C-alpha atoms as a PDB file:
ATOM      1  CA  UNK A   1       4.853   5.880  -0.422  1.00  0.00           C
ATOM      2  CA  UNK A   2       3.339   7.894  -3.233  1.00  0.00           C
ATOM      3  CA  UNK A   3       2.606   6.834  -6.892  1.00  0.00           C
ATOM      4  CA  UNK A   4       1.676   8.320 -10.125  1.00  0.00           C
ATOM      5  CA  UNK A   5      -0.439   6.247 -12.617  1.00  0.00           C
ATOM      6  CA  UNK A   6      -2.368   6.734 -15.717  1.00  0.00           C
ATOM      7  CA  UNK A   7      -6.428   5.711 -14.971  1.00  0.00           C
ATOM      8  CA  UNK A   8      -8.507   3.928 -17.497  1.00  0.00           C
ATOM      9  CA  UNK A   9     -10.106   7.315 -18.634  1.00  0.00           C
ATOM     10  CA  UNK A  10      -6.464   8.531 -19.541  1.00  0.00           C
ATOM     11  CA  UNK A  11      -6.098  10.832 -16.337  1.00  0.00           C
ATOM     12  CA  UNK A  12      -3.084  10.926 -14.133  1.00  0.00           C
ATOM     13  CA  UNK A  13      -3.965   9.908 -10.640  1.00  0.00           C
ATOM     14  CA  UNK A  14      -1.855  10.580  -7.557  1.00  0.00           C
ATOM     15  CA  UNK A  15      -1.603   7.512  -5.052  1.00  0.00           C
ATOM     16  CA  UNK A  16      -0.946   7.748  -1.237  1.00  0.00           C
ATOM     17  CA  UNK A  17      -0.112   4.438   0.392  1.00  0.00           C
ATOM     18  CA  UNK A  18       0.594   3.791   3.715  1.00  0.00           C
ATOM     19  CA  UNK A  19       0.841   1.266   6.435  1.00  0.00           C
ATOM     20  CA  UNK A  20       0.166   1.502   9.943  1.00  0.00           C
ATOM     21  CA  UNK A  21       1.663  -1.113  12.413  1.00  0.00           C
ATOM     22  CA  UNK A  22       0.198  -1.980  15.736  1.00  0.00           C
ATOM     23  CA  UNK A  23       0.775  -4.843  18.204  1.00  0.00           C
ATOM     24  CA  UNK A  24      -0.962  -8.080  16.656  1.00  0.00           C
ATOM     25  CA  UNK A  25      -0.498 -11.657  15.418  1.00  0.00           C
ATOM     26  CA  UNK A  26       0.004 -10.507  11.969  1.00  0.00           C
ATOM     27  CA  UNK A  27      -2.902  -9.933  10.219  1.00  0.00           C
ATOM     28  CA  UNK A  28      -3.576  -7.477   7.185  1.00  0.00           C
ATOM     29  CA  UNK A  29      -6.377  -4.945   7.101  1.00  0.00           C
ATOM     30  CA  UNK A  30      -6.953  -2.461   4.368  1.00  0.00           C
ATOM     31  CA  UNK A  31      -9.139   0.812   3.877  1.00  0.00           C
ATOM     32  CA  UNK A  32      -9.844   3.633   1.134  1.00  0.00           C
ATOM     33  CA  UNK A  33      -9.276   0.446  -1.785  1.00  0.00           C
ATOM     34  CA  UNK A  34     -12.953   0.382  -2.551  1.00  0.00           C
ATOM     35  CA  UNK A  35     -13.594  -2.438  -4.543  1.00  0.00           C
ATOM     36  CA  UNK A  36     -10.142  -2.740  -6.171  1.00  0.00           C
ATOM     37  CA  UNK A  37      -9.315  -6.352  -5.577  1.00  0.00           C
ATOM     38  CA  UNK A  38      -5.890  -5.547  -7.091  1.00  0.00           C
ATOM     39  CA  UNK A  39      -4.864  -3.155  -4.904  1.00  0.00           C
ATOM     40  CA  UNK A  40      -5.905  -5.439  -1.811  1.00  0.00           C
ATOM     41  CA  UNK A  41      -3.963  -8.279  -3.498  1.00  0.00           C
ATOM     42  CA  UNK A  42      -0.725  -6.010  -3.843  1.00  0.00           C
ATOM     43  CA  UNK A  43      -0.961  -4.757  -0.474  1.00  0.00           C
ATOM     44  CA  UNK A  44      -1.194  -8.265   0.937  1.00  0.00           C
ATOM     45  CA  UNK A  45       1.626  -9.768  -1.965  1.00  0.00           C
ATOM     46  CA  UNK A  46       3.694  -6.743  -0.363  1.00  0.00           C
ATOM     47  CA  UNK A  47       3.190  -7.605   3.421  1.00  0.00           C
ATOM     48  CA  UNK A  48       3.902 -11.386   2.296  1.00  0.00           C
ATOM     49  CA  UNK A  49       7.243 -10.717   1.017  1.00  0.00           C
ATOM     50  CA  UNK A  50       8.116  -8.724   4.168  1.00  0.00           C
ATOM     51  CA  UNK A  51       7.121 -11.399   6.350  1.00  0.00           C
ATOM     52  CA  UNK A  52       9.277 -13.671   4.293  1.00  0.00           C
ATOM     53  CA  UNK A  53      12.362 -11.179   4.680  1.00  0.00           C
ATOM     54  CA  UNK A  54      11.767  -9.933   8.157  1.00  0.00           C
ATOM     55  CA  UNK A  55      15.282 -11.414   9.286  1.00  0.00           C
ATOM     56  CA  UNK A  56      16.848  -9.431   6.063  1.00  0.00           C
ATOM     57  CA  UNK A  57      15.511  -5.971   7.467  1.00  0.00           C
ATOM     58  CA  UNK A  58      16.450  -6.250  11.437  1.00  0.00           C
ATOM     59  CA  UNK A  59      16.976  -9.297  13.553  1.00  0.00           C
ATOM     60  CA  UNK A  60      15.393  -8.168  16.563  1.00  0.00           C
ATOM     61  CA  UNK A  61      11.719  -7.657  15.017  1.00  0.00           C
ATOM     62  CA  UNK A  62       9.115 -10.357  14.359  1.00  0.00           C
ATOM     63  CA  UNK A  63       6.499 -10.003  11.587  1.00  0.00           C
ATOM     64  CA  UNK A  64       4.010 -12.064  13.362  1.00  0.00           C
ATOM     65  CA  UNK A  65       4.105  -9.742  16.435  1.00  0.00           C
ATOM     66  CA  UNK A  66       2.213  -7.029  14.828  1.00  0.00           C
ATOM     67  CA  UNK A  67      -0.994  -6.112  12.811  1.00  0.00           C
ATOM     68  CA  UNK A  68      -0.541  -4.207   9.542  1.00  0.00           C
ATOM     69  CA  UNK A  69      -3.202  -1.749   8.343  1.00  0.00           C
ATOM     70  CA  UNK A  70      -2.726  -0.619   4.636  1.00  0.00           C
ATOM     71  CA  UNK A  71      -4.302   2.538   3.680  1.00  0.00           C
ATOM     72  CA  UNK A  72      -4.670   4.265  -0.338  1.00  0.00           C
ATOM     73  CA  UNK A  73      -6.103   7.852  -1.124  1.00  0.00           C
ATOM     74  CA  UNK A  74      -6.018   8.990  -4.573  1.00  0.00           C
ATOM     75  CA  UNK A  75      -6.855  12.393  -6.338  1.00  0.00           C
ATOM     76  CA  UNK A  76      -6.701  13.342 -10.267  1.00  0.00           C
ATOM     77  CA  UNK A  77      -3.868  15.567 -11.425  1.00  0.00           C
ATOM     78  CA  UNK A  78      -4.479  18.152 -13.467  1.00  0.00           C
ATOM     79  CA  UNK A  79      -1.855  18.709 -15.877  1.00  0.00           C
ATOM     80  CA  UNK A  80      -1.436  22.430 -18.077  1.00  0.00           C
ATOM     81  CA  UNK A  81       0.114  21.593 -21.577  1.00  0.00           C
ATOM     82  CA  UNK A  82       3.032  23.565 -22.058  1.00  0.00           C
ATOM     83  CA  UNK A  83       2.476  26.604 -24.750  1.00  0.00           C
END
């Protein structure tokens, strides 16, 4: 997923969020988030929501049978003003 936000300095930032799923026991690991505890918490809340509603997604999957690795990367977007 990609998202565009305005950072603290007023610059536009492009974020790329991805989740990798592997065999496991339902744990979540994150990388690329630095010390941003809010972003880590957002990944956790999203995974908890998915786990709570997994039967609505597919009756043949079990969220606890997989581990999840959430990654994030960002870059500043330079925008030119129209003349």
